[in-house]
Amino acid sequence: MNTPFSEPRHSHLDDFAEEQQQGGQRPGAFDFRYILAAVRANLILIGALIAGALAIALVITLLQTPRYTATSSIQINNQGRSILKSDDQDNSEEVGNASDTERFLNTQTDVLRSRGLAQRVAQKLKLASNPRFFVAQESREPAAGTAETAVRDKVTTLLQRSLPVPMPRDSRIVSIAFQSAALLHSMNRDAVAGGGVAVTELRVDGGACVNDLLMQIQADLLGIPVVRPAVTETTALGAAYLAGLHAGVYNSLEELSQQWRADRTFYPTLPREQAQERMDRWERAVRQATAR
């Protein structure tokens, strides 16, 4: 006697195959619905395989020997101005431009990455005869009897590969922020001394103001809100406004002033004590760099 438990069990794949036959399609024909039905029929198995793969990857990661990386920062000063300047030139006059500075920095970083410097470091630290160096580099120590030149070349190559010298991306941004803060502080002192009031809000424009990091650093150092406009190219916008005013598009300067819109305001988040400490360190660094 047939019972509900003795009836053959149908799966999504069987139902889909019957639908194909009834619809006149060949069972072997490719259909995306067949793949979807296969996935639905094996969801538990697929989930188990994914979980197992993640568990194995986690175990392998935990069993690996941890690797440690040491980093250091160096300051590169361009002494070209001191060398090229004559005695009767003012100390505030600069030699070269931004492209010269960029070229100088690239040259110095190329020197730090150079093979010649790596050879000097390897020789000074005697890395060729230090087995721990090869272990740290995960490299086999040269076999006994290997030519000394080959050993030195291998050490130099390993040292160059393990000592990247990246150029800080935000070094110029930080410099701009400190220079602008020092200028505004000087302007505030002059304004208060002349009976005026200090600046309570800074409105910025230009290409540099699109950098959120620069704007936040600026607000932290100044201790006042920094407002970025919706249109940052104020020079071009002003020329367009003047043309519109002359052509009769705008009736007055007051109407033009109402066109200004703020995009974002950056509020200071750094305590004033820390901001002042950073400004003091910046000014001390400037004095040391310009001292003769």
C-alpha atoms as a PDB file:
ATOM      1  CA  MET A   1       0.000   0.000   0.000  1.00  0.00           C
ATOM      2  CA  ASN A   2       1.342   3.356  -0.910  1.00  0.00           C
ATOM      3  CA  THR A   3       1.760   5.887   1.849  1.00  0.00           C
ATOM      4  CA  PRO A   4       2.841   9.544   1.660  1.00  0.00           C
ATOM      5  CA  PHE A   5       6.278   8.477   2.850  1.00  0.00           C
ATOM      6  CA  SER A   6       6.763   5.923   0.099  1.00  0.00           C
ATOM      7  CA  GLU A   7       6.166   8.352  -2.739  1.00  0.00           C
ATOM      8  CA  PRO A   8       9.266   9.416  -4.662  1.00  0.00           C
ATOM      9  CA  ARG A   9      10.736  12.717  -3.563  1.00  0.00           C
ATOM     10  CA  HIS A  10      10.887  15.491  -6.140  1.00  0.00           C
ATOM     11  CA  SER A  11      13.382  18.307  -6.111  1.00  0.00           C
ATOM     12  CA  HIS A  12      13.439  21.734  -7.744  1.00  0.00           C
ATOM     13  CA  LEU A  13      15.599  20.235 -10.500  1.00  0.00           C
ATOM     14  CA  ASP A  14      13.005  17.541 -11.288  1.00  0.00           C
ATOM     15  CA  ASP A  15      10.217  20.097 -11.408  1.00  0.00           C
ATOM     16  CA  PHE A  16      12.289  22.305 -13.695  1.00  0.00           C
ATOM     17  CA  ALA A  17      13.101  19.350 -16.009  1.00  0.00           C
ATOM     18  CA  GLU A  18       9.400  18.535 -16.288  1.00  0.00           C
ATOM     19  CA  GLU A  19       8.646  22.154 -17.122  1.00  0.00           C
ATOM     20  CA  GLN A  20      11.265  22.051 -19.855  1.00  0.00           C
ATOM     21  CA  GLN A  21       9.825  18.890 -21.379  1.00  0.00           C
ATOM     22  CA  GLN A  22       6.305  20.243 -21.266  1.00  0.00           C
ATOM     23  CA  GLY A  23       7.460  23.463 -22.877  1.00  0.00           C
ATOM     24  CA  GLY A  24       9.140  21.640 -25.728  1.00  0.00           C
ATOM     25  CA  GLN A  25      12.712  22.486 -24.645  1.00  0.00           C
ATOM     26  CA  ARG A  26      15.516  19.968 -24.705  1.00  0.00           C
ATOM     27  CA  PRO A  27      16.575  18.902 -21.190  1.00  0.00           C
ATOM     28  CA  GLY A  28      20.230  19.398 -22.099  1.00  0.00           C
ATOM     29  CA  ALA A  29      19.790  22.946 -23.367  1.00  0.00           C
ATOM     30  CA  PHE A  30      21.506  25.672 -21.332  1.00  0.00           C
ATOM     31  CA  ASP A  31      19.162  27.862 -19.337  1.00  0.00           C
ATOM     32  CA  PHE A  32      19.989  30.276 -16.556  1.00  0.00           C
ATOM     33  CA  ARG A  33      16.925  29.072 -14.684  1.00  0.00           C
ATOM     34  CA  TYR A  34      18.490  25.602 -14.433  1.00  0.00           C
ATOM     35  CA  ILE A  35      21.535  27.090 -12.686  1.00  0.00           C
ATOM     36  CA  LEU A  36      19.284  29.051 -10.332  1.00  0.00           C
ATOM     37  CA  ALA A  37      17.319  25.918  -9.504  1.00  0.00           C
ATOM     38  CA  ALA A  38      20.565  24.022  -8.824  1.00  0.00           C
ATOM     39  CA  VAL A  39      21.730  26.732  -6.447  1.00  0.00           C
ATOM     40  CA  ARG A  40      18.402  26.756  -4.618  1.00  0.00           C
ATOM     41  CA  ALA A  41      18.508  22.984  -4.251  1.00  0.00           C
ATOM     42  CA  ASN A  42      22.010  23.059  -2.692  1.00  0.00           C
ATOM     43  CA  LEU A  43      21.971  26.194  -0.573  1.00  0.00           C
ATOM     44  CA  ILE A  44      23.006  24.348   2.574  1.00  0.00           C
ATOM     45  CA  LEU A  45      25.904  22.619   0.826  1.00  0.00           C
ATOM     46  CA  ILE A  46      27.130  25.849  -0.763  1.00  0.00           C
ATOM     47  CA  GLY A  47      26.905  27.681   2.576  1.00  0.00           C
ATOM     48  CA  ALA A  48      28.835  24.900   4.284  1.00  0.00           C
ATOM     49  CA  LEU A  49      31.594  25.049   1.656  1.00  0.00           C
ATOM     50  CA  ILE A  50      31.938  28.831   2.009  1.00  0.00           C
ATOM     51  CA  ALA A  51      32.028  28.617   5.819  1.00  0.00           C
ATOM     52  CA  GLY A  52      34.616  25.838   5.651  1.00  0.00           C
ATOM     53  CA  ALA A  53      36.830  27.853   3.291  1.00  0.00           C
ATOM     54  CA  LEU A  54      36.662  30.890   5.584  1.00  0.00           C
ATOM     55  CA  ALA A  55      37.498  28.752   8.617  1.00  0.00           C
ATOM     56  CA  ILE A  56      40.514  27.217   6.860  1.00  0.00           C
ATOM     57  CA  ALA A  57      41.735  30.661   5.773  1.00  0.00           C
ATOM     58  CA  LEU A  58      41.402  31.931   9.345  1.00  0.00           C
ATOM     59  CA  VAL A  59      43.358  28.988  10.755  1.00  0.00           C
ATOM     60  CA  ILE A  60      46.135  29.426   8.177  1.00  0.00           C
ATOM     61  CA  THR A  61      46.355  33.132   8.996  1.00  0.00           C
ATOM     62  CA  LEU A  62      46.636  32.448  12.734  1.00  0.00           C
ATOM     63  CA  LEU A  63      49.324  29.806  12.208  1.00  0.00           C
ATOM     64  CA  GLN A  64      51.526  32.067  10.096  1.00  0.00           C
ATOM     65  CA  THR A  65      54.558  33.669  11.697  1.00  0.00           C
ATOM     66  CA  PRO A  66      53.817  37.349  12.398  1.00  0.00           C
ATOM     67  CA  ARG A  67      55.884  39.854  10.443  1.00  0.00           C
ATOM     68  CA  TYR A  68      56.955  43.175  11.877  1.00  0.00           C
ATOM     69  CA  THR A  69      57.707  46.345   9.954  1.00  0.00           C
ATOM     70  CA  ALA A  70      59.770  49.263  11.213  1.00  0.00           C
ATOM     71  CA  THR A  71      59.283  52.725   9.747  1.00  0.00           C
ATOM     72  CA  SER A  72      61.142  55.973  10.203  1.00  0.00           C
ATOM     73  CA  SER A  73      60.769  59.542   8.971  1.00  0.00           C
ATOM     74  CA  ILE A  74      63.509  61.874   7.842  1.00  0.00           C
ATOM     75  CA  GLN A  75      63.464  65.579   7.046  1.00  0.00           C
ATOM     76  CA  ILE A  76      64.941  66.740   3.744  1.00  0.00           C
ATOM     77  CA  ASN A  77      65.978  70.395   3.661  1.00  0.00           C
ATOM     78  CA  ASN A  78      66.754  72.207   0.443  1.00  0.00           C
ATOM     79  CA  GLN A  79      69.895  74.244   1.081  1.00  0.00           C
ATOM     80  CA  GLY A  80      70.003  75.540  -2.475  1.00  0.00           C
ATOM     81  CA  ARG A  81      68.588  78.907  -1.458  1.00  0.00           C
ATOM     82  CA  SER A  82      71.384  79.498   1.056  1.00  0.00           C
ATOM     83  CA  ILE A  83      74.012  78.476  -1.485  1.00  0.00           C
ATOM     84  CA  LEU A  84      72.654  80.425  -4.436  1.00  0.00           C
ATOM     85  CA  LYS A  85      71.770  83.617  -2.552  1.00  0.00           C
ATOM     86  CA  SER A  86      74.164  86.496  -2.385  1.00  0.00           C
ATOM     87  CA  ASP A  87      74.765  88.444   0.824  1.00  0.00           C
ATOM     88  CA  ASP A  88      72.804  91.501  -0.309  1.00  0.00           C
ATOM     89  CA  GLN A  89      69.636  89.535  -1.050  1.00  0.00           C
ATOM     90  CA  ASP A  90      66.781  89.539   1.425  1.00  0.00           C
ATOM     91  CA  ASN A  91      66.277  86.337   3.394  1.00  0.00           C
ATOM     92  CA  SER A  92      62.633  86.195   2.375  1.00  0.00           C
ATOM     93  CA  GLU A  93      63.461  85.896  -1.336  1.00  0.00           C
ATOM     94  CA  GLU A  94      63.179  82.360  -2.616  1.00  0.00           C
ATOM     95  CA  VAL A  95      65.172  80.762  -5.385  1.00  0.00           C
ATOM     96  CA  GLY A  96      63.287  78.510  -7.751  1.00  0.00           C
ATOM     97  CA  ASN A  97      59.644  77.553  -7.719  1.00  0.00           C
ATOM     98  CA  ALA A  98      57.406  74.645  -6.847  1.00  0.00           C
ATOM     99  CA  SER A  99      58.666  72.529  -9.726  1.00  0.00           C
ATOM    100  CA  ASP A 100      62.265  73.003  -8.553  1.00  0.00           C
ATOM    101  CA  THR A 101      61.296  71.888  -5.060  1.00  0.00           C
ATOM    102  CA  GLU A 102      59.479  68.848  -6.427  1.00  0.00           C
ATOM    103  CA  ARG A 103      62.478  67.932  -8.560  1.00  0.00           C
ATOM    104  CA  PHE A 104      64.791  68.323  -5.564  1.00  0.00           C
ATOM    105  CA  LEU A 105      62.645  66.059  -3.380  1.00  0.00           C
ATOM    106  CA  ASN A 106      62.401  63.422  -6.113  1.00  0.00           C
ATOM    107  CA  THR A 107      66.182  63.493  -6.504  1.00  0.00           C
ATOM    108  CA  GLN A 108      66.720  62.994  -2.788  1.00  0.00           C
ATOM    109  CA  THR A 109      64.282  60.091  -2.578  1.00  0.00           C
ATOM    110  CA  ASP A 110      65.982  58.504  -5.596  1.00  0.00           C
ATOM    111  CA  VAL A 111      69.260  58.727  -3.687  1.00  0.00           C
ATOM    112  CA  LEU A 112      67.677  56.984  -0.708  1.00  0.00           C
ATOM    113  CA  ARG A 113      66.409  54.232  -2.999  1.00  0.00           C
ATOM    114  CA  SER A 114      69.718  53.917  -4.853  1.00  0.00           C
ATOM    115  CA  ARG A 115      71.782  50.763  -5.003  1.00  0.00           C
ATOM    116  CA  GLY A 116      74.909  52.645  -3.997  1.00  0.00           C
ATOM    117  CA  LEU A 117      73.410  53.696  -0.666  1.00  0.00           C
ATOM    118  CA  ALA A 118      72.147  50.158  -0.067  1.00  0.00           C
ATOM    119  CA  GLN A 119      75.677  48.828  -0.649  1.00  0.00           C
ATOM    120  CA  ARG A 120      77.104  51.304   1.876  1.00  0.00           C
ATOM    121  CA  VAL A 121      74.503  50.299   4.479  1.00  0.00           C
ATOM    122  CA  ALA A 122      75.148  46.601   3.904  1.00  0.00           C
ATOM    123  CA  GLN A 123      78.890  47.133   4.237  1.00  0.00           C
ATOM    124  CA  LYS A 124      78.634  49.269   7.370  1.00  0.00           C
ATOM    125  CA  LEU A 125      76.298  46.829   9.137  1.00  0.00           C
ATOM    126  CA  LYS A 126      78.149  43.750   7.790  1.00  0.00           C
ATOM    127  CA  LEU A 127      74.894  42.197   6.622  1.00  0.00           C
ATOM    128  CA  ALA A 128      76.588  39.780   4.235  1.00  0.00           C
ATOM    129  CA  SER A 129      77.967  37.799   7.185  1.00  0.00           C
ATOM    130  CA  ASN A 130      74.861  38.076   9.365  1.00  0.00           C
ATOM    131  CA  PRO A 131      72.596  34.983   9.147  1.00  0.00           C
ATOM    132  CA  ARG A 132      69.786  36.794  10.962  1.00  0.00           C
ATOM    133  CA  PHE A 133      69.500  39.237   8.071  1.00  0.00           C
ATOM    134  CA  PHE A 134      68.661  36.460   5.613  1.00  0.00           C
ATOM    135  CA  VAL A 135      66.185  34.922   8.063  1.00  0.00           C
ATOM    136  CA  ALA A 136      64.436  38.273   8.480  1.00  0.00           C
ATOM    137  CA  GLN A 137      64.255  38.640   4.695  1.00  0.00           C
ATOM    138  CA  GLU A 138      62.860  35.099   4.360  1.00  0.00           C
ATOM    139  CA  SER A 139      65.698  34.212   2.053  1.00  0.00           C
ATOM    140  CA  ARG A 140      68.155  31.352   2.045  1.00  0.00           C
ATOM    141  CA  GLU A 141      71.625  32.140   3.263  1.00  0.00           C
ATOM    142  CA  PRO A 142      74.203  31.791   0.491  1.00  0.00           C
ATOM    143  CA  ALA A 143      75.886  28.410   0.476  1.00  0.00           C
ATOM    144  CA  ALA A 144      79.438  28.033   1.680  1.00  0.00           C
ATOM    145  CA  GLY A 145      81.921  28.861  -1.031  1.00  0.00           C
ATOM    146  CA  THR A 146      79.659  31.378  -2.802  1.00  0.00           C
ATOM    147  CA  ALA A 147      81.620  34.193  -4.352  1.00  0.00           C
ATOM    148  CA  GLU A 148      81.813  37.294  -2.174  1.00  0.00           C
ATOM    149  CA  THR A 149      80.570  39.470  -5.021  1.00  0.00           C
ATOM    150  CA  ALA A 150      77.464  37.322  -5.447  1.00  0.00           C
ATOM    151  CA  VAL A 151      76.740  37.503  -1.720  1.00  0.00           C
ATOM    152  CA  ARG A 152      77.065  41.285  -1.702  1.00  0.00           C
ATOM    153  CA  ASP A 153      74.774  41.601  -4.720  1.00  0.00           C
ATOM    154  CA  LYS A 154      72.150  39.421  -3.065  1.00  0.00           C
ATOM    155  CA  VAL A 155      72.297  41.419   0.166  1.00  0.00           C
ATOM    156  CA  THR A 156      72.008  44.702  -1.709  1.00  0.00           C
ATOM    157  CA  THR A 157      69.012  43.476  -3.702  1.00  0.00           C
ATOM    158  CA  LEU A 158      67.246  42.248  -0.560  1.00  0.00           C
ATOM    159  CA  LEU A 159      67.940  45.526   1.199  1.00  0.00           C
ATOM    160  CA  GLN A 160      66.617  47.628  -1.676  1.00  0.00           C
ATOM    161  CA  ARG A 161      63.479  45.515  -1.941  1.00  0.00           C
ATOM    162  CA  SER A 162      62.713  45.811   1.769  1.00  0.00           C
ATOM    163  CA  LEU A 163      63.351  49.533   2.168  1.00  0.00           C
ATOM    164  CA  PRO A 164      60.745  51.504   0.187  1.00  0.00           C
ATOM    165  CA  VAL A 165      61.006  55.274   0.396  1.00  0.00           C
ATOM    166  CA  PRO A 166      57.534  56.743  -0.217  1.00  0.00           C
ATOM    167  CA  MET A 167      56.992  60.468  -0.530  1.00  0.00           C
ATOM    168  CA  PRO A 168      54.487  61.733   2.076  1.00  0.00           C
ATOM    169  CA  ARG A 169      51.316  62.692   0.252  1.00  0.00           C
ATOM    170  CA  ASP A 170      50.104  65.266   2.737  1.00  0.00           C
ATOM    171  CA  SER A 171      53.377  67.030   3.572  1.00  0.00           C
ATOM    172  CA  ARG A 172      52.596  70.039   1.352  1.00  0.00           C
ATOM    173  CA  ILE A 173      49.029  70.182   2.634  1.00  0.00           C
ATOM    174  CA  VAL A 174      50.183  70.407   6.244  1.00  0.00           C
ATOM    175  CA  SER A 175      52.729  73.077   5.282  1.00  0.00           C
ATOM    176  CA  ILE A 176      50.013  75.175   3.603  1.00  0.00           C
ATOM    177  CA  ALA A 177      47.805  74.914   6.688  1.00  0.00           C
ATOM    178  CA  PHE A 178      50.525  76.107   9.069  1.00  0.00           C
ATOM    179  CA  GLN A 179      51.623  78.936   6.788  1.00  0.00           C
ATOM    180  CA  SER A 180      48.047  80.162   6.375  1.00  0.00           C
ATOM    181  CA  ALA A 181      47.406  79.932  10.122  1.00  0.00           C
ATOM    182  CA  ALA A 182      50.546  81.925  10.913  1.00  0.00           C
ATOM    183  CA  LEU A 183      49.508  84.605   8.399  1.00  0.00           C
ATOM    184  CA  LEU A 184      45.995  84.906   9.817  1.00  0.00           C
ATOM    185  CA  HIS A 185      47.297  85.080  13.382  1.00  0.00           C
ATOM    186  CA  SER A 186      49.543  87.970  12.340  1.00  0.00           C
ATOM    187  CA  MET A 187      46.617  89.722  10.652  1.00  0.00           C
ATOM    188  CA  ASN A 188      44.486  89.289  13.778  1.00  0.00           C
ATOM    189  CA  ARG A 189      47.177  90.837  15.961  1.00  0.00           C
ATOM    190  CA  ASP A 190      47.487  93.827  13.639  1.00  0.00           C
ATOM    191  CA  ALA A 191      43.700  94.238  13.467  1.00  0.00           C
ATOM    192  CA  VAL A 192      43.232  94.151  17.245  1.00  0.00           C
ATOM    193  CA  ALA A 193      46.178  96.503  17.773  1.00  0.00           C
ATOM    194  CA  GLY A 194      44.582  98.954  15.332  1.00  0.00           C
ATOM    195  CA  GLY A 195      41.273  98.946  17.166  1.00  0.00           C
ATOM    196  CA  GLY A 196      39.547  96.396  14.939  1.00  0.00           C
ATOM    197  CA  VAL A 197      38.144  92.944  15.688  1.00  0.00           C
ATOM    198  CA  ALA A 198      39.648  89.525  15.138  1.00  0.00           C
ATOM    199  CA  VAL A 199      38.452  87.223  12.380  1.00  0.00           C
ATOM    200  CA  THR A 200      35.682  84.909  13.615  1.00  0.00           C
ATOM    201  CA  GLU A 201      35.133  82.943  10.385  1.00  0.00           C
ATOM    202  CA  LEU A 202      37.385  82.126   7.449  1.00  0.00           C
ATOM    203  CA  ARG A 203      35.918  81.810   3.960  1.00  0.00           C
ATOM    204  CA  VAL A 204      38.214  80.000   1.574  1.00  0.00           C
ATOM    205  CA  ASP A 205      38.381  79.491  -2.175  1.00  0.00           C
ATOM    206  CA  GLY A 206      40.706  78.110  -4.814  1.00  0.00           C
ATOM    207  CA  GLY A 207      41.795  74.635  -5.818  1.00  0.00           C
ATOM    208  CA  ALA A 208      43.374  73.724  -2.480  1.00  0.00           C
ATOM    209  CA  CYS A 209      40.134  74.154  -0.539  1.00  0.00           C
ATOM    210  CA  VAL A 210      38.595  71.040  -2.114  1.00  0.00           C
ATOM    211  CA  ASN A 211      40.855  68.977   0.156  1.00  0.00           C
ATOM    212  CA  ASP A 212      38.855  68.144   3.281  1.00  0.00           C
ATOM    213  CA  LEU A 213      41.993  67.284   5.287  1.00  0.00           C
ATOM    214  CA  LEU A 214      43.519  70.695   4.612  1.00  0.00           C
ATOM    215  CA  MET A 215      40.315  72.485   5.596  1.00  0.00           C
ATOM    216  CA  GLN A 216      39.985  70.530   8.856  1.00  0.00           C
ATOM    217  CA  ILE A 217      43.616  71.160   9.815  1.00  0.00           C
ATOM    218  CA  GLN A 218      43.090  74.832   9.027  1.00  0.00           C
ATOM    219  CA  ALA A 219      40.047  75.022  11.296  1.00  0.00           C
ATOM    220  CA  ASP A 220      41.859  73.166  14.097  1.00  0.00           C
ATOM    221  CA  LEU A 221      44.870  75.479  13.993  1.00  0.00           C
ATOM    222  CA  LEU A 222      42.842  78.684  13.763  1.00  0.00           C
ATOM    223  CA  GLY A 223      40.166  77.727  16.249  1.00  0.00           C
ATOM    224  CA  ILE A 224      37.430  79.237  14.061  1.00  0.00           C
ATOM    225  CA  PRO A 225      35.025  77.785  11.451  1.00  0.00           C
ATOM    226  CA  VAL A 226      36.350  77.452   7.908  1.00  0.00           C
ATOM    227  CA  VAL A 227      33.649  77.821   5.246  1.00  0.00           C
ATOM    228  CA  ARG A 228      34.056  76.394   1.758  1.00  0.00           C
ATOM    229  CA  PRO A 229      31.802  77.885  -0.942  1.00  0.00           C
ATOM    230  CA  ALA A 230      29.746  75.920  -3.432  1.00  0.00           C
ATOM    231  CA  VAL A 231      31.849  77.449  -6.230  1.00  0.00           C
ATOM    232  CA  THR A 232      35.529  77.325  -5.286  1.00  0.00           C
ATOM    233  CA  GLU A 233      36.887  79.111  -8.377  1.00  0.00           C
ATOM    234  CA  THR A 234      36.129  82.591  -7.054  1.00  0.00           C
ATOM    235  CA  THR A 235      38.313  84.422  -9.587  1.00  0.00           C
ATOM    236  CA  ALA A 236      36.448  82.980 -12.571  1.00  0.00           C
ATOM    237  CA  LEU A 237      33.132  83.471 -10.781  1.00  0.00           C
ATOM    238  CA  GLY A 238      33.950  87.120 -10.091  1.00  0.00           C
ATOM    239  CA  ALA A 239      34.769  87.740 -13.746  1.00  0.00           C
ATOM    240  CA  ALA A 240      31.447  86.182 -14.736  1.00  0.00           C
ATOM    241  CA  TYR A 241      29.601  88.315 -12.167  1.00  0.00           C
ATOM    242  CA  LEU A 242      31.207  91.510 -13.469  1.00  0.00           C
ATOM    243  CA  ALA A 243      30.247  90.603 -17.032  1.00  0.00           C
ATOM    244  CA  GLY A 244      26.705  89.900 -15.892  1.00  0.00           C
ATOM    245  CA  LEU A 245      26.576  93.177 -13.993  1.00  0.00           C
ATOM    246  CA  HIS A 246      27.743  95.092 -17.065  1.00  0.00           C
ATOM    247  CA  ALA A 247      25.277  93.264 -19.329  1.00  0.00           C
ATOM    248  CA  GLY A 248      22.365  93.969 -17.014  1.00  0.00           C
ATOM    249  CA  VAL A 249      21.866  90.394 -15.821  1.00  0.00           C
ATOM    250  CA  TYR A 250      22.437  91.620 -12.260  1.00  0.00           C
ATOM    251  CA  ASN A 251      21.241  94.990 -11.031  1.00  0.00           C
ATOM    252  CA  SER A 252      23.603  95.697  -8.136  1.00  0.00           C
ATOM    253  CA  LEU A 253      26.491  94.415  -6.043  1.00  0.00           C
ATOM    254  CA  GLU A 254      24.039  93.576  -3.277  1.00  0.00           C
ATOM    255  CA  GLU A 255      22.277  91.192  -5.633  1.00  0.00           C
ATOM    256  CA  LEU A 256      25.606  89.571  -6.446  1.00  0.00           C
ATOM    257  CA  SER A 257      26.447  89.111  -2.772  1.00  0.00           C
ATOM    258  CA  GLN A 258      23.233  87.141  -2.333  1.00  0.00           C
ATOM    259  CA  GLN A 259      24.412  84.585  -4.904  1.00  0.00           C
ATOM    260  CA  TRP A 260      27.083  83.226  -2.573  1.00  0.00           C
ATOM    261  CA  ARG A 261      26.356  79.757  -1.198  1.00  0.00           C
ATOM    262  CA  ALA A 262      28.278  77.674   1.322  1.00  0.00           C
ATOM    263  CA  ASP A 263      29.149  74.072   0.483  1.00  0.00           C
ATOM    264  CA  ARG A 264      30.533  72.899   3.842  1.00  0.00           C
ATOM    265  CA  THR A 265      31.695  74.360   7.124  1.00  0.00           C
ATOM    266  CA  PHE A 266      34.638  72.816   8.983  1.00  0.00           C
ATOM    267  CA  TYR A 267      34.546  73.363  12.727  1.00  0.00           C
ATOM    268  CA  PRO A 268      37.617  73.121  14.995  1.00  0.00           C
ATOM    269  CA  THR A 269      37.887  69.850  16.901  1.00  0.00           C
ATOM    270  CA  LEU A 270      41.384  70.212  18.377  1.00  0.00           C
ATOM    271  CA  PRO A 271      41.769  71.666  21.898  1.00  0.00           C
ATOM    272  CA  ARG A 272      43.356  75.128  21.798  1.00  0.00           C
ATOM    273  CA  GLU A 273      46.284  73.993  23.967  1.00  0.00           C
ATOM    274  CA  GLN A 274      47.237  71.310  21.441  1.00  0.00           C
ATOM    275  CA  ALA A 275      46.739  73.668  18.513  1.00  0.00           C
ATOM    276  CA  GLN A 276      48.979  76.282  20.122  1.00  0.00           C
ATOM    277  CA  GLU A 277      51.598  73.640  20.883  1.00  0.00           C
ATOM    278  CA  ARG A 278      51.655  72.596  17.218  1.00  0.00           C
ATOM    279  CA  MET A 279      51.933  76.204  16.094  1.00  0.00           C
ATOM    280  CA  ASP A 280      54.828  76.733  18.507  1.00  0.00           C
ATOM    281  CA  ARG A 281      56.629  73.690  17.117  1.00  0.00           C
ATOM    282  CA  TRP A 282      56.027  74.937  13.567  1.00  0.00           C
ATOM    283  CA  GLU A 283      57.418  78.391  14.327  1.00  0.00           C
ATOM    284  CA  ARG A 284      60.435  76.867  16.063  1.00  0.00           C
ATOM    285  CA  ALA A 285      61.077  74.654  13.015  1.00  0.00           C
ATOM    286  CA  VAL A 286      60.830  77.686  10.727  1.00  0.00           C
ATOM    287  CA  ARG A 287      63.329  79.623  12.869  1.00  0.00           C
ATOM    288  CA  GLN A 288      65.759  76.710  12.813  1.00  0.00           C
ATOM    289  CA  ALA A 289      65.406  76.281   9.051  1.00  0.00           C
ATOM    290  CA  THR A 290      66.021  79.977   8.344  1.00  0.00           C
ATOM    291  CA  ALA A 291      68.820  80.438  10.876  1.00  0.00           C
ATOM    292  CA  ARG A 292      72.165  81.275   9.313  1.00  0.00           C
END
